[in-house]
Amino acid sequence: MFGSVYSMRPILGQEANIAAHFRRWERERRPAVSGAVGGYVLRPRGNPSELIGVTVFDSEDSYLVNANDPAQSQWYQDLRAMLESDPEWNDGDVLVAL
């Protein structure tokens, strides 16, 4: 498996819209995205102005196919409009899944 852990800084007042945007991805994009395993977005108690996301795919190839899809690019641009800056991405191989 392959995935990404990423941190995001929402524009003040955009957190609920970001959560809704991720829910739309689950409803609208996920059925068309091969290899998507799952994902989470959490707000750390120690830094409530940040959001941490985790996305997992069955392989790096599936991850990259999604990343290079124009529909995913548009979804990301819509997300980026709700953030103060670009997310900080940490991509890598999943060593353990619980």
Protein backbone atom coordinates (compact mmCIF):
# COMPACT_ATOMS: atom_id res chain seq x y z
CA MET A 1 0.00 0.00 0.00
CA PHE A 2 1.02 3.61 -0.51
CA GLY A 3 -0.26 6.88 0.85
CA SER A 4 0.28 10.33 2.19
CA VAL A 5 0.13 12.10 5.52
CA TYR A 6 -0.38 15.82 5.04
CA SER A 7 -0.97 18.93 7.10
CA MET A 8 -3.23 21.80 6.09
CA ARG A 9 -3.89 25.26 7.50
CA PRO A 10 -7.51 26.24 6.81
CA ILE A 11 -8.44 29.85 6.22
CA LEU A 12 -10.31 31.00 9.32
CA GLY A 13 -13.91 29.82 9.12
CA GLN A 14 -13.31 27.25 6.34
CA GLU A 15 -12.96 24.09 8.45
CA ALA A 16 -16.59 22.94 8.00
CA ASN A 17 -16.38 23.62 4.25
CA ILE A 18 -13.18 21.57 4.04
CA ALA A 19 -14.84 18.67 5.88
CA ALA A 20 -17.79 18.86 3.47
CA HIS A 21 -15.37 18.94 0.52
CA PHE A 22 -13.73 15.70 1.69
CA ARG A 23 -17.17 14.11 2.15
CA ARG A 24 -18.01 15.10 -1.45
CA TRP A 25 -14.80 13.36 -2.59
CA GLU A 26 -15.98 10.21 -0.82
CA ARG A 27 -19.41 10.37 -2.51
CA GLU A 28 -18.46 11.64 -5.96
CA ARG A 29 -14.81 10.82 -6.70
CA ARG A 30 -14.16 7.62 -4.78
CA PRO A 31 -16.46 5.45 -6.96
CA ALA A 32 -14.35 6.47 -9.99
CA VAL A 33 -10.95 6.14 -8.28
CA SER A 34 -9.42 2.69 -8.53
CA GLY A 35 -7.32 1.58 -5.58
CA ALA A 36 -8.50 4.06 -2.96
CA VAL A 37 -8.37 2.27 0.41
CA GLY A 38 -9.38 5.03 2.81
CA GLY A 39 -8.58 8.31 4.43
CA TYR A 40 -9.00 10.47 7.48
CA VAL A 41 -8.84 14.15 8.38
CA LEU A 42 -8.27 15.13 12.00
CA ARG A 43 -7.79 18.30 14.00
CA PRO A 44 -4.92 17.91 16.48
CA ARG A 45 -5.77 19.01 20.00
CA GLY A 46 -2.31 20.50 20.38
CA ASN A 47 -2.71 22.68 17.27
CA PRO A 48 -6.40 23.27 16.48
CA SER A 49 -5.60 25.69 13.63
CA GLU A 50 -4.16 22.78 11.63
CA LEU A 51 -5.75 19.75 9.99
CA ILE A 52 -3.91 16.48 9.41
CA GLY A 53 -4.97 14.18 6.59
CA VAL A 54 -4.12 10.57 5.81
CA THR A 55 -4.84 8.98 2.45
CA VAL A 56 -4.10 5.35 1.54
CA PHE A 57 -4.17 3.58 -1.82
CA ASP A 58 -3.54 -0.06 -2.68
CA SER A 59 -0.37 0.88 -4.61
CA GLU A 60 1.81 3.80 -5.62
CA ASP A 61 0.57 3.38 -9.19
CA SER A 62 -3.07 3.84 -8.10
CA TYR A 63 -2.05 6.86 -6.02
CA LEU A 64 -0.29 8.46 -8.99
CA VAL A 65 -3.15 7.73 -11.42
CA ASN A 66 -5.48 9.59 -9.08
CA ALA A 67 -2.99 12.42 -8.51
CA ASN A 68 -2.67 12.95 -12.27
CA ASP A 69 -6.42 12.83 -13.00
CA PRO A 70 -7.78 16.24 -14.15
CA ALA A 71 -10.88 15.74 -11.97
CA GLN A 72 -8.64 15.26 -8.93
CA SER A 73 -6.66 18.35 -9.90
CA GLN A 74 -9.88 20.40 -9.94
CA TRP A 75 -10.92 18.92 -6.58
CA TYR A 76 -7.52 19.90 -5.16
CA GLN A 77 -7.75 23.45 -6.55
CA ASP A 78 -11.14 23.82 -4.85
CA LEU A 79 -9.58 22.57 -1.59
CA ARG A 80 -6.55 24.85 -1.98
CA ALA A 81 -8.86 27.89 -2.18
CA MET A 82 -9.91 27.14 1.42
CA LEU A 83 -6.33 26.91 2.74
CA GLU A 84 -3.85 29.56 3.83
CA SER A 85 -1.02 27.81 1.96
CA ASP A 86 -0.20 24.60 0.12
CA PRO A 87 -0.47 21.45 2.23
CA GLU A 88 2.73 19.86 3.47
CA TRP A 89 2.83 16.37 1.92
CA ASN A 90 4.64 13.28 3.22
CA ASP A 91 4.19 10.41 0.75
CA GLY A 92 5.39 6.90 1.40
CA ASP A 93 4.93 3.15 1.60
CA VAL A 94 2.51 1.88 4.24
CA LEU A 95 4.47 -0.56 6.38
CA VAL A 96 1.71 -1.55 8.81
CA ALA A 97 -2.07 -1.38 8.50
CA LEU A 98 -4.07 -2.05 11.65
